[in-house]
């Protein structure tokens, strides 16, 4: 609680302050490790079975959607949450930049940002968050069970971790690329930049 209240004027104890600032690098390392582990797992198993049926809420229209509603589009599927301190905003920025680099080709792509924090990420919060990066990025949410089912289909790990009066959600930082027929194409690590994304997507889509 003292860490959260550090703007009140009285400095917080030294130890909580160190803990707060240490979480950023630790979280980044954890998410990168999860992403690398996910990629290695996929490649070790040959043709990966990533993706599958899901039923979620489109936060911009408020309507329920399924995986079949996106047939005919290339999908960039990324799981995260709006309170994510670094990996999520960085990755969404790279996705937005990649879309800009692709020009008219981006019209064939639908980026999806699926929350792993459905209790805290309201429809409006998630819609505003994704729109701030690029209006073409669509935020999806649902009940905890619906989100868990979608994450399971994409082999995504996530878990809540309480830190003081707050909590983080550790999660896989991989961006999954799905073909228009719903099959898996490739993946990007959270460290992939927009130039790499655009180059590989252009090659796969042509």
N, C-alpha and C. Protein backbone atom coordinates (compact mmCIF):
# COMPACT_ATOMS: atom_id res chain seq x y z
N UNK A 1 0.83 -1.20 0.00
CA UNK A 1 0.00 0.00 0.00
C UNK A 1 0.86 1.25 0.00
N UNK A 2 1.96 1.22 0.71
CA UNK A 2 2.83 2.39 0.77
C UNK A 2 3.45 2.69 -0.59
N UNK A 3 3.70 1.67 -1.38
CA UNK A 3 4.26 1.90 -2.71
C UNK A 3 3.27 2.62 -3.58
N UNK A 4 2.00 2.23 -3.51
CA UNK A 4 0.96 2.86 -4.31
C UNK A 4 0.76 4.31 -3.90
N UNK A 5 0.93 4.60 -2.62
CA UNK A 5 0.67 5.93 -2.10
C UNK A 5 1.90 6.83 -2.11
N UNK A 6 2.92 6.50 -2.89
CA UNK A 6 4.17 7.26 -2.81
C UNK A 6 4.04 8.69 -3.30
N UNK A 7 2.94 9.06 -3.96
CA UNK A 7 2.77 10.42 -4.44
C UNK A 7 2.17 11.34 -3.38
N UNK A 8 1.91 10.81 -2.17
CA UNK A 8 1.28 11.63 -1.13
C UNK A 8 2.22 12.64 -0.50
N UNK A 9 3.52 12.51 -0.73
CA UNK A 9 4.46 13.49 -0.19
C UNK A 9 5.45 12.89 0.77
N UNK A 10 5.07 11.86 1.51
CA UNK A 10 6.03 11.21 2.39
C UNK A 10 6.65 10.04 1.68
N UNK A 11 7.99 9.99 1.60
CA UNK A 11 8.66 8.94 0.83
C UNK A 11 8.39 7.57 1.41
N UNK A 12 8.21 6.56 0.55
CA UNK A 12 7.96 5.20 1.02
C UNK A 12 9.23 4.58 1.57
N UNK A 13 9.10 3.50 2.34
CA UNK A 13 10.28 2.78 2.83
C UNK A 13 11.13 2.32 1.67
N UNK A 14 12.43 2.21 1.90
CA UNK A 14 13.37 1.91 0.81
C UNK A 14 13.08 0.57 0.16
N UNK A 15 12.77 -0.46 0.96
CA UNK A 15 12.63 -1.80 0.38
C UNK A 15 11.45 -1.89 -0.59
N UNK A 16 10.23 -1.43 -0.21
CA UNK A 16 9.15 -1.47 -1.19
C UNK A 16 9.46 -0.72 -2.46
N UNK A 17 10.18 0.39 -2.34
CA UNK A 17 10.51 1.18 -3.52
C UNK A 17 11.41 0.38 -4.46
N UNK A 18 12.38 -0.32 -3.89
CA UNK A 18 13.25 -1.14 -4.73
C UNK A 18 12.47 -2.25 -5.40
N UNK A 19 11.54 -2.83 -4.66
CA UNK A 19 10.75 -3.93 -5.21
C UNK A 19 9.92 -3.46 -6.39
N UNK A 20 9.33 -2.28 -6.26
CA UNK A 20 8.49 -1.80 -7.34
C UNK A 20 9.27 -1.61 -8.63
N UNK A 21 10.40 -0.98 -8.54
CA UNK A 21 11.15 -0.70 -9.75
C UNK A 21 11.85 -1.93 -10.31
N UNK A 22 11.96 -2.97 -9.49
CA UNK A 22 12.60 -4.20 -9.98
C UNK A 22 11.66 -5.04 -10.81
N UNK A 23 10.35 -4.82 -10.67
CA UNK A 23 9.40 -5.70 -11.35
C UNK A 23 9.43 -5.56 -12.87
N UNK A 24 9.70 -4.35 -13.37
CA UNK A 24 9.71 -4.16 -14.82
C UNK A 24 10.66 -5.10 -15.55
N UNK A 25 11.95 -5.08 -15.23
CA UNK A 25 12.90 -5.99 -15.89
C UNK A 25 12.58 -7.45 -15.64
N UNK A 26 12.13 -7.77 -14.42
CA UNK A 26 11.81 -9.17 -14.11
C UNK A 26 10.66 -9.66 -14.98
N UNK A 27 9.63 -8.84 -15.11
CA UNK A 27 8.48 -9.22 -15.93
C UNK A 27 8.89 -9.38 -17.39
N UNK A 28 9.72 -8.47 -17.88
CA UNK A 28 10.16 -8.55 -19.27
C UNK A 28 10.91 -9.85 -19.53
N UNK A 29 11.78 -10.24 -18.60
CA UNK A 29 12.54 -11.49 -18.75
C UNK A 29 11.60 -12.69 -18.71
N UNK A 30 10.63 -12.68 -17.79
CA UNK A 30 9.68 -13.79 -17.68
C UNK A 30 8.87 -13.95 -18.96
N UNK A 31 8.36 -12.84 -19.49
CA UNK A 31 7.54 -12.91 -20.70
C UNK A 31 8.37 -13.36 -21.89
N UNK A 32 9.61 -12.86 -22.00
CA UNK A 32 10.47 -13.29 -23.09
C UNK A 32 10.75 -14.78 -23.00
N UNK A 33 10.99 -15.27 -21.78
CA UNK A 33 11.23 -16.71 -21.60
C UNK A 33 10.02 -17.53 -22.01
N UNK A 34 8.84 -17.03 -21.65
CA UNK A 34 7.61 -17.73 -22.04
C UNK A 34 7.46 -17.75 -23.56
N UNK A 35 7.76 -16.63 -24.20
CA UNK A 35 7.63 -16.55 -25.65
C UNK A 35 8.61 -17.50 -26.35
N UNK A 36 9.87 -17.49 -25.89
CA UNK A 36 10.87 -18.38 -26.49
C UNK A 36 10.48 -19.83 -26.27
N UNK A 37 10.02 -20.15 -25.07
CA UNK A 37 9.60 -21.52 -24.78
C UNK A 37 8.46 -21.95 -25.66
N UNK A 38 7.54 -21.02 -25.91
CA UNK A 38 6.39 -21.34 -26.78
C UNK A 38 6.84 -21.63 -28.20
N UNK A 39 7.75 -20.79 -28.72
CA UNK A 39 8.24 -20.99 -30.09
C UNK A 39 8.97 -22.33 -30.20
N UNK A 40 9.85 -22.62 -29.23
CA UNK A 40 10.58 -23.89 -29.26
C UNK A 40 9.64 -25.07 -29.18
N UNK A 41 8.62 -24.96 -28.35
CA UNK A 41 7.64 -26.04 -28.21
C UNK A 41 6.94 -26.29 -29.54
N UNK A 42 6.58 -25.19 -30.22
CA UNK A 42 5.88 -25.34 -31.49
C UNK A 42 6.76 -26.02 -32.53
N UNK A 43 8.01 -25.61 -32.62
CA UNK A 43 8.89 -26.16 -33.64
C UNK A 43 9.27 -27.61 -33.35
N UNK A 44 9.39 -27.94 -32.08
CA UNK A 44 9.75 -29.31 -31.72
C UNK A 44 8.65 -30.30 -32.10
N UNK A 45 7.43 -29.82 -32.19
CA UNK A 45 6.31 -30.70 -32.47
C UNK A 45 5.94 -30.73 -33.95
N UNK A 46 6.79 -30.15 -34.79
CA UNK A 46 6.54 -30.18 -36.22
C UNK A 46 5.42 -29.22 -36.58
N UNK A 47 4.42 -29.73 -37.31
CA UNK A 47 3.29 -28.90 -37.71
C UNK A 47 2.42 -28.62 -36.48
N UNK A 48 2.46 -27.42 -35.97
CA UNK A 48 1.79 -27.14 -34.70
C UNK A 48 0.27 -27.04 -34.84
N UNK A 49 -0.44 -27.48 -33.83
CA UNK A 49 -1.89 -27.35 -33.80
C UNK A 49 -2.23 -26.14 -32.93
N UNK A 50 -2.02 -24.97 -33.48
CA UNK A 50 -2.29 -23.72 -32.78
C UNK A 50 -3.57 -23.13 -33.33
N UNK A 51 -4.38 -22.60 -32.46
CA UNK A 51 -5.65 -22.02 -32.88
C UNK A 51 -6.77 -23.03 -32.77
N UNK A 52 -7.97 -22.53 -32.89
CA UNK A 52 -9.13 -23.40 -32.77
C UNK A 52 -10.36 -22.58 -32.43
N UNK A 53 -11.44 -23.26 -32.13
CA UNK A 53 -12.70 -22.55 -31.85
C UNK A 53 -12.60 -21.65 -30.61
N UNK A 54 -13.17 -20.46 -30.72
CA UNK A 54 -13.31 -19.60 -29.54
C UNK A 54 -14.59 -18.78 -29.69
N UNK A 55 -15.09 -18.32 -28.57
CA UNK A 55 -16.30 -17.50 -28.53
C UNK A 55 -16.03 -16.36 -27.57
N UNK A 56 -15.91 -15.14 -28.11
CA UNK A 56 -15.53 -13.99 -27.31
C UNK A 56 -16.38 -12.78 -27.68
N UNK A 57 -16.15 -11.66 -27.01
CA UNK A 57 -16.89 -10.43 -27.26
C UNK A 57 -16.01 -9.43 -27.98
N UNK A 58 -16.50 -8.93 -29.12
CA UNK A 58 -15.86 -7.85 -29.85
C UNK A 58 -16.11 -6.57 -29.05
N UNK A 59 -15.06 -5.98 -28.50
CA UNK A 59 -15.25 -4.84 -27.59
C UNK A 59 -15.66 -3.56 -28.30
N UNK A 60 -15.53 -3.49 -29.61
CA UNK A 60 -15.92 -2.28 -30.32
C UNK A 60 -17.39 -2.29 -30.71
N UNK A 61 -17.92 -3.47 -31.03
CA UNK A 61 -19.33 -3.57 -31.41
C UNK A 61 -20.19 -4.12 -30.27
N UNK A 62 -19.55 -4.81 -29.33
CA UNK A 62 -20.29 -5.42 -28.23
C UNK A 62 -20.92 -6.75 -28.59
N UNK A 63 -20.70 -7.21 -29.80
CA UNK A 63 -21.34 -8.46 -30.22
C UNK A 63 -20.42 -9.66 -29.97
N UNK A 64 -21.05 -10.81 -29.87
CA UNK A 64 -20.30 -12.04 -29.68
C UNK A 64 -19.74 -12.51 -31.02
N UNK A 65 -18.49 -12.93 -31.02
CA UNK A 65 -17.85 -13.40 -32.24
C UNK A 65 -17.19 -14.75 -31.97
N UNK A 66 -16.98 -15.50 -33.04
CA UNK A 66 -16.26 -16.76 -32.95
C UNK A 66 -15.09 -16.72 -33.93
N UNK A 67 -14.26 -17.73 -33.86
CA UNK A 67 -13.12 -17.79 -34.77
C UNK A 67 -13.56 -17.79 -36.23
N UNK A 68 -14.74 -18.34 -36.51
CA UNK A 68 -15.21 -18.45 -37.89
C UNK A 68 -15.59 -17.09 -38.48
N UNK A 69 -15.86 -16.11 -37.63
CA UNK A 69 -16.18 -14.77 -38.13
C UNK A 69 -14.98 -14.10 -38.80
N UNK A 70 -13.80 -14.64 -38.58
CA UNK A 70 -12.59 -14.03 -39.14
C UNK A 70 -12.01 -14.82 -40.31
N UNK A 71 -12.74 -15.81 -40.79
CA UNK A 71 -12.28 -16.56 -41.95
C UNK A 71 -12.15 -15.60 -43.14
N UNK A 72 -11.13 -15.81 -43.94
CA UNK A 72 -10.87 -14.94 -45.08
C UNK A 72 -9.87 -13.85 -44.77
N UNK A 73 -9.51 -13.70 -43.50
CA UNK A 73 -8.52 -12.71 -43.08
C UNK A 73 -7.29 -13.39 -42.49
N UNK A 74 -6.15 -12.79 -42.71
CA UNK A 74 -4.95 -13.18 -41.97
C UNK A 74 -5.09 -12.59 -40.57
N UNK A 75 -4.82 -13.38 -39.56
CA UNK A 75 -4.95 -12.91 -38.18
C UNK A 75 -3.60 -12.78 -37.50
N UNK A 76 -3.45 -11.71 -36.73
CA UNK A 76 -2.33 -11.56 -35.80
C UNK A 76 -2.95 -11.66 -34.42
N UNK A 77 -2.73 -12.77 -33.74
CA UNK A 77 -3.39 -13.04 -32.46
C UNK A 77 -2.39 -12.86 -31.32
N UNK A 78 -2.70 -11.93 -30.43
CA UNK A 78 -1.81 -11.61 -29.31
C UNK A 78 -2.63 -11.53 -28.03
N UNK A 79 -2.17 -12.23 -26.99
CA UNK A 79 -2.85 -12.22 -25.69
C UNK A 79 -2.11 -11.29 -24.74
N UNK A 80 -2.84 -10.47 -24.00
CA UNK A 80 -2.23 -9.57 -23.04
C UNK A 80 -3.30 -8.88 -22.21
N UNK A 81 -2.97 -7.72 -21.66
CA UNK A 81 -3.96 -6.99 -20.85
C UNK A 81 -3.57 -5.53 -20.75
N UNK A 82 -4.54 -4.68 -20.47
CA UNK A 82 -4.31 -3.24 -20.55
C UNK A 82 -3.40 -2.69 -19.46
N UNK A 83 -3.27 -3.41 -18.34
CA UNK A 83 -2.38 -2.97 -17.26
C UNK A 83 -0.96 -3.52 -17.42
N UNK A 84 -0.70 -4.19 -18.51
CA UNK A 84 0.62 -4.76 -18.80
C UNK A 84 1.64 -3.62 -18.85
N UNK A 85 2.73 -3.70 -18.09
CA UNK A 85 3.64 -2.57 -17.97
C UNK A 85 4.53 -2.28 -19.17
N UNK A 86 4.89 -3.29 -19.96
CA UNK A 86 5.84 -3.01 -21.03
C UNK A 86 5.66 -3.87 -22.28
N UNK A 87 5.56 -5.17 -22.14
CA UNK A 87 5.54 -6.06 -23.30
C UNK A 87 4.33 -5.80 -24.19
N UNK A 88 3.15 -5.66 -23.60
CA UNK A 88 1.94 -5.47 -24.40
C UNK A 88 1.95 -4.16 -25.20
N UNK A 89 2.21 -3.01 -24.56
CA UNK A 89 2.24 -1.79 -25.36
C UNK A 89 3.33 -1.79 -26.42
N UNK A 90 4.47 -2.38 -26.10
CA UNK A 90 5.55 -2.44 -27.09
C UNK A 90 5.15 -3.30 -28.28
N UNK A 91 4.59 -4.47 -28.02
CA UNK A 91 4.20 -5.37 -29.09
C UNK A 91 3.07 -4.78 -29.93
N UNK A 92 2.08 -4.17 -29.30
CA UNK A 92 0.99 -3.56 -30.04
C UNK A 92 1.48 -2.40 -30.91
N UNK A 93 2.46 -1.67 -30.42
CA UNK A 93 3.05 -0.59 -31.22
C UNK A 93 3.74 -1.15 -32.46
N UNK A 94 4.46 -2.26 -32.29
CA UNK A 94 5.14 -2.88 -33.43
C UNK A 94 4.12 -3.43 -34.44
N UNK A 95 3.03 -3.99 -33.94
CA UNK A 95 1.98 -4.48 -34.84
C UNK A 95 1.39 -3.32 -35.63
N UNK A 96 1.10 -2.21 -34.95
CA UNK A 96 0.55 -1.04 -35.63
C UNK A 96 1.52 -0.51 -36.68
N UNK A 97 2.81 -0.45 -36.35
CA UNK A 97 3.81 0.02 -37.30
C UNK A 97 3.93 -0.93 -38.49
N UNK A 98 3.85 -2.24 -38.23
CA UNK A 98 3.92 -3.22 -39.31
C UNK A 98 2.73 -3.05 -40.25
N UNK A 99 1.56 -2.81 -39.70
CA UNK A 99 0.37 -2.59 -40.53
C UNK A 99 0.57 -1.37 -41.44
N UNK A 100 1.16 -0.32 -40.89
CA UNK A 100 1.42 0.88 -41.68
C UNK A 100 2.42 0.59 -42.80
N UNK A 101 3.45 -0.20 -42.50
CA UNK A 101 4.46 -0.53 -43.50
C UNK A 101 3.89 -1.39 -44.63
N UNK A 102 2.88 -2.19 -44.34
CA UNK A 102 2.32 -3.08 -45.35
C UNK A 102 1.39 -2.38 -46.33
N UNK A 103 0.98 -1.18 -46.02
CA UNK A 103 0.12 -0.43 -46.94
C UNK A 103 -1.19 -1.15 -47.22
N UNK A 104 -1.62 -1.19 -48.51
CA UNK A 104 -2.89 -1.82 -48.87
C UNK A 104 -2.97 -3.30 -48.48
N UNK A 105 -1.82 -3.96 -48.38
CA UNK A 105 -1.80 -5.38 -48.01
C UNK A 105 -2.38 -5.59 -46.61
N UNK A 106 -2.30 -4.56 -45.77
CA UNK A 106 -2.81 -4.66 -44.40
C UNK A 106 -4.33 -4.82 -44.35
N UNK A 107 -5.00 -4.48 -45.45
CA UNK A 107 -6.45 -4.63 -45.49
C UNK A 107 -6.87 -6.09 -45.38
N UNK A 108 -5.94 -6.99 -45.66
CA UNK A 108 -6.24 -8.42 -45.59
C UNK A 108 -5.91 -9.01 -44.22
N UNK A 109 -5.49 -8.16 -43.28
CA UNK A 109 -5.06 -8.61 -41.95
C UNK A 109 -5.99 -8.08 -40.87
N UNK A 110 -6.29 -8.92 -39.89
CA UNK A 110 -7.04 -8.49 -38.71
C UNK A 110 -6.23 -8.80 -37.45
N UNK A 111 -5.66 -7.77 -36.81
CA UNK A 111 -4.97 -8.00 -35.54
C UNK A 111 -5.99 -8.16 -34.40
N UNK A 112 -5.78 -9.16 -33.56
CA UNK A 112 -6.65 -9.42 -32.41
C UNK A 112 -5.84 -9.34 -31.12
N UNK A 113 -6.34 -8.58 -30.17
CA UNK A 113 -5.72 -8.49 -28.84
C UNK A 113 -6.71 -9.08 -27.84
N UNK A 114 -6.42 -10.27 -27.34
CA UNK A 114 -7.32 -10.99 -26.45
C UNK A 114 -6.85 -10.80 -25.00
N UNK A 115 -7.71 -10.24 -24.17
CA UNK A 115 -7.30 -9.98 -22.79
C UNK A 115 -7.15 -11.26 -21.98
N UNK A 116 -6.16 -11.27 -21.11
CA UNK A 116 -6.00 -12.35 -20.14
C UNK A 116 -6.39 -11.85 -18.74
N UNK A 117 -7.02 -10.68 -18.72
CA UNK A 117 -7.46 -10.06 -17.46
C UNK A 117 -8.90 -9.58 -17.63
N UNK A 118 -9.83 -10.51 -17.93
CA UNK A 118 -11.20 -10.10 -18.28
C UNK A 118 -11.97 -9.44 -17.14
N UNK A 119 -11.59 -9.67 -15.90
CA UNK A 119 -12.30 -9.06 -14.79
C UNK A 119 -11.97 -7.58 -14.65
N UNK A 120 -10.78 -7.18 -15.06
CA UNK A 120 -10.36 -5.79 -14.93
C UNK A 120 -10.47 -5.04 -16.25
N UNK A 121 -10.30 -5.73 -17.35
CA UNK A 121 -10.41 -5.09 -18.67
C UNK A 121 -11.86 -5.08 -19.13
N UNK A 122 -12.56 -3.98 -18.88
CA UNK A 122 -13.93 -3.85 -19.35
C UNK A 122 -13.94 -3.69 -20.86
N UNK A 123 -15.11 -3.84 -21.46
CA UNK A 123 -15.20 -3.69 -22.92
C UNK A 123 -14.73 -2.31 -23.36
N UNK A 124 -15.16 -1.26 -22.65
CA UNK A 124 -14.79 0.09 -23.04
C UNK A 124 -13.30 0.34 -22.84
N UNK A 125 -12.76 -0.15 -21.73
CA UNK A 125 -11.33 0.01 -21.46
C UNK A 125 -10.49 -0.64 -22.55
N UNK A 126 -10.86 -1.86 -22.92
CA UNK A 126 -10.11 -2.60 -23.93
C UNK A 126 -10.25 -1.96 -25.30
N UNK A 127 -11.46 -1.50 -25.63
CA UNK A 127 -11.69 -0.85 -26.92
C UNK A 127 -10.86 0.43 -27.04
N UNK A 128 -10.86 1.24 -25.98
CA UNK A 128 -10.08 2.48 -26.00
C UNK A 128 -8.58 2.19 -26.09
N UNK A 129 -8.15 1.16 -25.39
CA UNK A 129 -6.73 0.80 -25.36
C UNK A 129 -6.22 0.39 -26.74
N UNK A 130 -6.94 -0.50 -27.40
CA UNK A 130 -6.49 -0.97 -28.71
C UNK A 130 -6.57 0.13 -29.76
N UNK A 131 -7.62 0.94 -29.68
CA UNK A 131 -7.80 2.03 -30.65
C UNK A 131 -6.65 3.03 -30.57
N UNK A 132 -6.11 3.22 -29.37
CA UNK A 132 -5.01 4.17 -29.19
C UNK A 132 -3.77 3.76 -29.99
N UNK A 133 -3.60 2.47 -30.23
CA UNK A 133 -2.46 1.99 -31.02
C UNK A 133 -2.79 2.01 -32.51
N UNK A 134 -3.94 1.49 -32.86
CA UNK A 134 -4.40 1.45 -34.26
C UNK A 134 -5.87 1.03 -34.23
N UNK A 135 -6.75 1.80 -34.84
CA UNK A 135 -8.18 1.45 -34.84
C UNK A 135 -8.47 0.08 -35.45
N UNK A 136 -7.52 -0.43 -36.23
CA UNK A 136 -7.73 -1.74 -36.86
C UNK A 136 -7.47 -2.90 -35.91
N UNK A 137 -6.82 -2.64 -34.78
CA UNK A 137 -6.59 -3.70 -33.79
C UNK A 137 -7.88 -3.90 -33.00
N UNK A 138 -8.36 -5.13 -32.97
CA UNK A 138 -9.63 -5.44 -32.32
C UNK A 138 -9.39 -6.12 -30.98
N UNK A 139 -9.93 -5.54 -29.93
CA UNK A 139 -9.83 -6.14 -28.60
C UNK A 139 -10.96 -7.13 -28.38
N UNK A 140 -10.62 -8.29 -27.85
CA UNK A 140 -11.62 -9.32 -27.55
C UNK A 140 -11.57 -9.68 -26.08
N UNK A 141 -12.74 -9.88 -25.48
CA UNK A 141 -12.83 -10.29 -24.09
C UNK A 141 -13.92 -11.34 -23.96
N UNK A 142 -14.22 -11.72 -22.75
CA UNK A 142 -15.25 -12.73 -22.51
C UNK A 142 -15.27 -13.09 -21.05
N UNK A 143 -15.99 -14.13 -20.72
CA UNK A 143 -15.97 -14.62 -19.34
C UNK A 143 -14.60 -15.25 -19.08
N UNK A 144 -14.22 -15.41 -17.82
CA UNK A 144 -12.95 -16.09 -17.55
C UNK A 144 -12.84 -17.45 -18.22
N UNK A 145 -13.94 -18.19 -18.29
CA UNK A 145 -13.92 -19.50 -18.93
C UNK A 145 -13.72 -19.38 -20.44
N UNK A 146 -14.35 -18.39 -21.05
CA UNK A 146 -14.19 -18.19 -22.50
C UNK A 146 -12.76 -17.78 -22.84
N UNK A 147 -12.19 -16.90 -22.03
CA UNK A 147 -10.80 -16.48 -22.24
C UNK A 147 -9.86 -17.67 -22.06
N UNK A 148 -10.11 -18.47 -21.04
CA UNK A 148 -9.27 -19.65 -20.79
C UNK A 148 -9.34 -20.63 -21.95
N UNK A 149 -10.51 -20.80 -22.54
CA UNK A 149 -10.66 -21.70 -23.68
C UNK A 149 -9.89 -21.19 -24.89
N UNK A 150 -9.96 -19.88 -25.14
CA UNK A 150 -9.22 -19.29 -26.26
C UNK A 150 -7.72 -19.43 -26.04
N UNK A 151 -7.26 -19.15 -24.82
CA UNK A 151 -5.84 -19.27 -24.50
C UNK A 151 -5.37 -20.71 -24.67
N UNK A 152 -6.19 -21.65 -24.27
CA UNK A 152 -5.84 -23.06 -24.42
C UNK A 152 -5.70 -23.44 -25.89
N UNK A 153 -6.59 -22.92 -26.72
CA UNK A 153 -6.54 -23.22 -28.16
C UNK A 153 -5.24 -22.73 -28.78
N UNK A 154 -4.73 -21.61 -28.27
CA UNK A 154 -3.50 -21.03 -28.81
C UNK A 154 -2.25 -21.39 -28.00
N UNK A 155 -2.40 -22.34 -27.08
CA UNK A 155 -1.28 -22.80 -26.26
C UNK A 155 -0.64 -21.65 -25.48
N UNK A 156 -1.47 -20.73 -25.02
CA UNK A 156 -0.99 -19.55 -24.29
C UNK A 156 -1.09 -19.78 -22.79
N UNK A 157 0.01 -19.51 -22.11
CA UNK A 157 0.06 -19.58 -20.64
C UNK A 157 -0.22 -18.21 -20.05
N UNK A 158 -1.03 -18.17 -19.00
CA UNK A 158 -1.17 -16.93 -18.24
C UNK A 158 -1.55 -17.26 -16.80
N UNK A 159 -1.11 -16.42 -15.87
CA UNK A 159 -1.39 -16.64 -14.46
C UNK A 159 -1.28 -15.33 -13.70
N UNK A 160 -2.25 -15.10 -12.83
CA UNK A 160 -2.24 -13.89 -12.01
C UNK A 160 -1.20 -14.04 -10.90
N UNK A 161 -0.47 -12.95 -10.65
CA UNK A 161 0.53 -12.94 -9.57
C UNK A 161 0.34 -11.67 -8.74
N UNK A 162 -0.07 -11.85 -7.50
CA UNK A 162 -0.35 -10.72 -6.62
C UNK A 162 0.96 -10.12 -6.10
N UNK A 163 1.04 -8.79 -6.18
CA UNK A 163 2.20 -8.05 -5.67
C UNK A 163 1.66 -6.91 -4.81
N UNK A 164 1.73 -7.08 -3.51
CA UNK A 164 1.19 -6.08 -2.61
C UNK A 164 -0.31 -5.95 -2.78
N UNK A 165 -0.79 -4.73 -3.03
CA UNK A 165 -2.22 -4.48 -3.22
C UNK A 165 -2.62 -4.58 -4.69
N UNK A 166 -1.70 -4.91 -5.54
CA UNK A 166 -1.97 -4.96 -6.98
C UNK A 166 -1.67 -6.37 -7.48
N UNK A 167 -1.82 -6.57 -8.76
CA UNK A 167 -1.41 -7.84 -9.34
C UNK A 167 -0.99 -7.65 -10.79
N UNK A 168 -0.13 -8.54 -11.24
CA UNK A 168 0.28 -8.63 -12.63
C UNK A 168 -0.28 -9.93 -13.19
N UNK A 169 -0.28 -10.05 -14.50
CA UNK A 169 -0.65 -11.31 -15.14
C UNK A 169 0.53 -11.74 -16.01
N UNK A 170 1.22 -12.78 -15.59
CA UNK A 170 2.29 -13.34 -16.42
C UNK A 170 1.63 -14.04 -17.60
N UNK A 171 2.16 -13.84 -18.80
CA UNK A 171 1.52 -14.46 -19.97
C UNK A 171 2.51 -14.64 -21.11
N UNK A 172 2.19 -15.56 -21.98
CA UNK A 172 2.99 -15.77 -23.18
C UNK A 172 2.97 -14.51 -24.03
N UNK A 173 4.13 -14.11 -24.55
CA UNK A 173 4.22 -12.88 -25.32
C UNK A 173 4.32 -13.08 -26.82
N UNK A 174 3.91 -14.24 -27.29
CA UNK A 174 4.02 -14.57 -28.72
C UNK A 174 2.85 -13.99 -29.51
N UNK A 175 3.13 -13.52 -30.73
CA UNK A 175 2.09 -13.12 -31.67
C UNK A 175 1.93 -14.25 -32.68
N UNK A 176 0.74 -14.81 -32.77
CA UNK A 176 0.49 -15.93 -33.67
C UNK A 176 -0.13 -15.42 -34.97
N UNK A 177 0.40 -15.90 -36.09
CA UNK A 177 -0.12 -15.54 -37.40
C UNK A 177 -0.95 -16.71 -37.91
N UNK A 178 -2.22 -16.44 -38.21
CA UNK A 178 -3.13 -17.46 -38.69
C UNK A 178 -3.54 -17.15 -40.13
N UNK A 179 -3.60 -18.18 -40.96
CA UNK A 179 -3.98 -18.00 -42.36
C UNK A 179 -5.49 -17.78 -42.49
N UNK A 180 -5.93 -17.31 -43.66
CA UNK A 180 -7.37 -17.05 -43.86
C UNK A 180 -8.27 -18.27 -43.66
N UNK A 181 -7.72 -19.48 -43.79
CA UNK A 181 -8.53 -20.69 -43.58
C UNK A 181 -8.54 -21.12 -42.11
N UNK A 182 -7.88 -20.35 -41.25
CA UNK A 182 -7.86 -20.66 -39.82
C UNK A 182 -6.69 -21.51 -39.37
N UNK A 183 -5.83 -21.89 -40.29
CA UNK A 183 -4.67 -22.71 -39.93
C UNK A 183 -3.50 -21.82 -39.48
N UNK A 184 -2.59 -22.42 -38.72
CA UNK A 184 -1.42 -21.70 -38.20
C UNK A 184 -0.40 -21.46 -39.31
N UNK A 185 0.18 -20.26 -39.33
CA UNK A 185 1.20 -19.94 -40.33
C UNK A 185 2.58 -19.80 -39.69
N UNK A 186 2.72 -18.87 -38.76
CA UNK A 186 4.02 -18.63 -38.12
C UNK A 186 3.80 -17.84 -36.83
N UNK A 187 4.89 -17.51 -36.15
CA UNK A 187 4.81 -16.76 -34.89
C UNK A 187 5.89 -15.69 -34.84
N UNK A 188 5.61 -14.64 -34.10
CA UNK A 188 6.59 -13.60 -33.82
C UNK A 188 6.84 -13.55 -32.32
N UNK A 189 8.11 -13.46 -31.93
CA UNK A 189 8.43 -13.21 -30.53
C UNK A 189 8.04 -11.78 -30.18
N UNK A 190 7.90 -11.52 -28.90
CA UNK A 190 7.58 -10.16 -28.47
C UNK A 190 8.72 -9.19 -28.77
N UNK A 191 9.90 -9.74 -29.08
CA UNK A 191 11.05 -8.89 -29.42
C UNK A 191 11.13 -8.59 -30.92
N UNK A 192 10.24 -9.17 -31.72
CA UNK A 192 10.24 -8.90 -33.16
C UNK A 192 9.83 -7.46 -33.42
N UNK A 193 10.56 -6.80 -34.33
CA UNK A 193 10.18 -5.42 -34.63
C UNK A 193 9.26 -5.36 -35.84
N UNK A 194 8.74 -4.17 -36.12
CA UNK A 194 7.75 -4.01 -37.18
C UNK A 194 8.31 -4.32 -38.56
N UNK A 195 9.60 -4.04 -38.77
CA UNK A 195 10.21 -4.33 -40.07
C UNK A 195 10.22 -5.83 -40.34
N UNK A 196 10.59 -6.61 -39.32
CA UNK A 196 10.59 -8.07 -39.48
C UNK A 196 9.18 -8.59 -39.70
N UNK A 197 8.23 -8.08 -38.92
CA UNK A 197 6.84 -8.51 -39.08
C UNK A 197 6.34 -8.23 -40.49
N UNK A 198 6.56 -7.01 -40.97
CA UNK A 198 6.07 -6.63 -42.29
C UNK A 198 6.73 -7.46 -43.38
N UNK A 199 8.03 -7.68 -43.26
CA UNK A 199 8.75 -8.45 -44.27
C UNK A 199 8.24 -9.88 -44.35
N UNK A 200 8.10 -10.53 -43.21
CA UNK A 200 7.66 -11.93 -43.20
C UNK A 200 6.20 -12.06 -43.61
N UNK A 201 5.36 -11.14 -43.17
CA UNK A 201 3.96 -11.19 -43.56
C UNK A 201 3.79 -10.98 -45.06
N UNK A 202 4.53 -10.03 -45.60
CA UNK A 202 4.45 -9.78 -47.04
C UNK A 202 4.85 -11.03 -47.82
N UNK A 203 5.91 -11.70 -47.37
CA UNK A 203 6.35 -12.92 -48.05
C UNK A 203 5.34 -14.04 -47.95
N UNK A 204 4.73 -14.21 -46.79
CA UNK A 204 3.76 -15.30 -46.60
C UNK A 204 2.44 -15.03 -47.31
N UNK A 205 2.07 -13.77 -47.44
CA UNK A 205 0.77 -13.44 -48.02
C UNK A 205 0.77 -13.38 -49.53
N UNK A 206 1.94 -13.30 -50.13
CA UNK A 206 2.00 -13.19 -51.60
C UNK A 206 2.09 -14.56 -52.26
